[in-house]
Amino acid sequence: MIHILGQIIIGLFIGIIAKFLLPGYDGGGLILTALLGMAGAWVGAWLGQQLGWYKSGQAASFLMSIAGAMVLLLVFRLV
């Protein structure tokens, strides 16, 4: 239970950073921000690890999580 709560909080934090770095209207609220942040974190971290850029737990994982959330936010805005 605490692991899921931690993922929600970190996902929200990453989603807020992604929205801050990509200003503009996207119509999403707090829940959508958290979902985009969690999904972006998962996709970005997984992609970076699969490409061999870093290992789990390194600082680059956090940066790729933000980049993944930004990509998902751009896709959301286009849809």
C-alpha atoms as a PDB file:
ATOM      1  CA  MET A   1       0.000   0.000   0.000  1.00  0.00           C
ATOM      2  CA  ILE A   2       2.775   2.446   0.861  1.00  0.00           C
ATOM      3  CA  HIS A   3       4.610   1.579  -2.377  1.00  0.00           C
ATOM      4  CA  ILE A   4       1.545   2.561  -4.430  1.00  0.00           C
ATOM      5  CA  LEU A   5       1.133   5.786  -2.479  1.00  0.00           C
ATOM      6  CA  GLY A   6       4.799   6.612  -3.076  1.00  0.00           C
ATOM      7  CA  GLN A   7       4.394   6.026  -6.806  1.00  0.00           C
ATOM      8  CA  ILE A   8       1.373   8.331  -6.897  1.00  0.00           C
ATOM      9  CA  ILE A   9       3.233  11.103  -5.071  1.00  0.00           C
ATOM     10  CA  ILE A  10       6.362  10.778  -7.222  1.00  0.00           C
ATOM     11  CA  GLY A  11       4.207  10.601 -10.368  1.00  0.00           C
ATOM     12  CA  LEU A  12       2.405  13.775  -9.339  1.00  0.00           C
ATOM     13  CA  PHE A  13       5.726  15.496  -8.703  1.00  0.00           C
ATOM     14  CA  ILE A  14       7.089  14.420 -12.106  1.00  0.00           C
ATOM     15  CA  GLY A  15       3.835  15.446 -13.809  1.00  0.00           C
ATOM     16  CA  ILE A  16       3.990  18.893 -12.211  1.00  0.00           C
ATOM     17  CA  ILE A  17       7.575  19.352 -13.386  1.00  0.00           C
ATOM     18  CA  ALA A  18       6.603  18.258 -16.911  1.00  0.00           C
ATOM     19  CA  LYS A  19       3.697  20.714 -16.979  1.00  0.00           C
ATOM     20  CA  PHE A  20       5.980  23.455 -15.684  1.00  0.00           C
ATOM     21  CA  LEU A  21       8.524  22.787 -18.442  1.00  0.00           C
ATOM     22  CA  LEU A  22       5.793  22.657 -21.129  1.00  0.00           C
ATOM     23  CA  PRO A  23       3.577  25.641 -20.414  1.00  0.00           C
ATOM     24  CA  GLY A  24       0.226  25.881 -22.116  1.00  0.00           C
ATOM     25  CA  TYR A  25      -3.319  24.711 -21.673  1.00  0.00           C
ATOM     26  CA  ASP A  26      -3.928  20.987 -21.582  1.00  0.00           C
ATOM     27  CA  GLY A  27      -7.152  20.825 -19.573  1.00  0.00           C
ATOM     28  CA  GLY A  28      -5.848  18.254 -17.121  1.00  0.00           C
ATOM     29  CA  GLY A  29      -6.360  18.389 -13.415  1.00  0.00           C
ATOM     30  CA  LEU A  30      -4.484  16.916 -10.503  1.00  0.00           C
ATOM     31  CA  ILE A  31      -5.437  13.304 -11.255  1.00  0.00           C
ATOM     32  CA  LEU A  32      -4.439  13.558 -14.925  1.00  0.00           C
ATOM     33  CA  THR A  33      -1.161  15.189 -13.921  1.00  0.00           C
ATOM     34  CA  ALA A  34      -0.407  12.286 -11.575  1.00  0.00           C
ATOM     35  CA  LEU A  35      -1.351   9.684 -14.201  1.00  0.00           C
ATOM     36  CA  LEU A  36       0.766  11.334 -16.904  1.00  0.00           C
ATOM     37  CA  GLY A  37       3.646  11.626 -14.458  1.00  0.00           C
ATOM     38  CA  MET A  38       3.444   7.974 -13.421  1.00  0.00           C
ATOM     39  CA  ALA A  39       3.134   6.720 -16.990  1.00  0.00           C
ATOM     40  CA  GLY A  40       5.902   9.026 -18.201  1.00  0.00           C
ATOM     41  CA  ALA A  41       8.162   7.942 -15.373  1.00  0.00           C
ATOM     42  CA  TRP A  42       7.601   4.296 -16.199  1.00  0.00           C
ATOM     43  CA  VAL A  43       8.105   4.728 -19.953  1.00  0.00           C
ATOM     44  CA  GLY A  44      11.131   7.029 -19.629  1.00  0.00           C
ATOM     45  CA  ALA A  45      12.887   4.917 -17.022  1.00  0.00           C
ATOM     46  CA  TRP A  46      12.201   1.678 -18.893  1.00  0.00           C
ATOM     47  CA  LEU A  47      13.419   3.088 -22.209  1.00  0.00           C
ATOM     48  CA  GLY A  48      16.628   4.468 -20.719  1.00  0.00           C
ATOM     49  CA  GLN A  49      17.414   1.178 -18.994  1.00  0.00           C
ATOM     50  CA  GLN A  50      16.700  -0.847 -22.126  1.00  0.00           C
ATOM     51  CA  LEU A  51      19.027   1.368 -24.154  1.00  0.00           C
ATOM     52  CA  GLY A  52      21.725   0.888 -21.505  1.00  0.00           C
ATOM     53  CA  TRP A  53      22.055   4.572 -20.689  1.00  0.00           C
ATOM     54  CA  TYR A  54      21.892   3.992 -16.930  1.00  0.00           C
ATOM     55  CA  LYS A  55      20.900   1.509 -14.261  1.00  0.00           C
ATOM     56  CA  SER A  56      17.913   1.626 -11.948  1.00  0.00           C
ATOM     57  CA  GLY A  57      18.199   4.217  -9.177  1.00  0.00           C
ATOM     58  CA  GLN A  58      20.625   6.573 -10.897  1.00  0.00           C
ATOM     59  CA  ALA A  59      19.883  10.297 -11.232  1.00  0.00           C
ATOM     60  CA  ALA A  60      19.474   9.952 -14.990  1.00  0.00           C
ATOM     61  CA  SER A  61      16.402   7.811 -14.319  1.00  0.00           C
ATOM     62  CA  PHE A  62      14.678  10.834 -12.768  1.00  0.00           C
ATOM     63  CA  LEU A  63      15.565  13.001 -15.766  1.00  0.00           C
ATOM     64  CA  MET A  64      14.299  10.382 -18.223  1.00  0.00           C
ATOM     65  CA  SER A  65      11.111  10.106 -16.179  1.00  0.00           C
ATOM     66  CA  ILE A  66      10.505  13.811 -16.648  1.00  0.00           C
ATOM     67  CA  ALA A  67      11.301  13.544 -20.371  1.00  0.00           C
ATOM     68  CA  GLY A  68       8.861  10.640 -20.699  1.00  0.00           C
ATOM     69  CA  ALA A  69       6.145  12.619 -18.931  1.00  0.00           C
ATOM     70  CA  MET A  70       6.787  15.574 -21.238  1.00  0.00           C
ATOM     71  CA  VAL A  71       6.400  13.362 -24.303  1.00  0.00           C
ATOM     72  CA  LEU A  72       3.144  11.932 -22.976  1.00  0.00           C
ATOM     73  CA  LEU A  73       1.913  15.448 -22.197  1.00  0.00           C
ATOM     74  CA  LEU A  74       2.651  16.537 -25.783  1.00  0.00           C
ATOM     75  CA  VAL A  75       0.804  13.492 -27.136  1.00  0.00           C
ATOM     76  CA  PHE A  76      -2.122  14.242 -24.816  1.00  0.00           C
ATOM     77  CA  ARG A  77      -2.272  17.828 -26.091  1.00  0.00           C
ATOM     78  CA  LEU A  78      -2.276  16.654 -29.709  1.00  0.00           C
ATOM     79  CA  VAL A  79      -5.136  14.247 -29.050  1.00  0.00           C
END
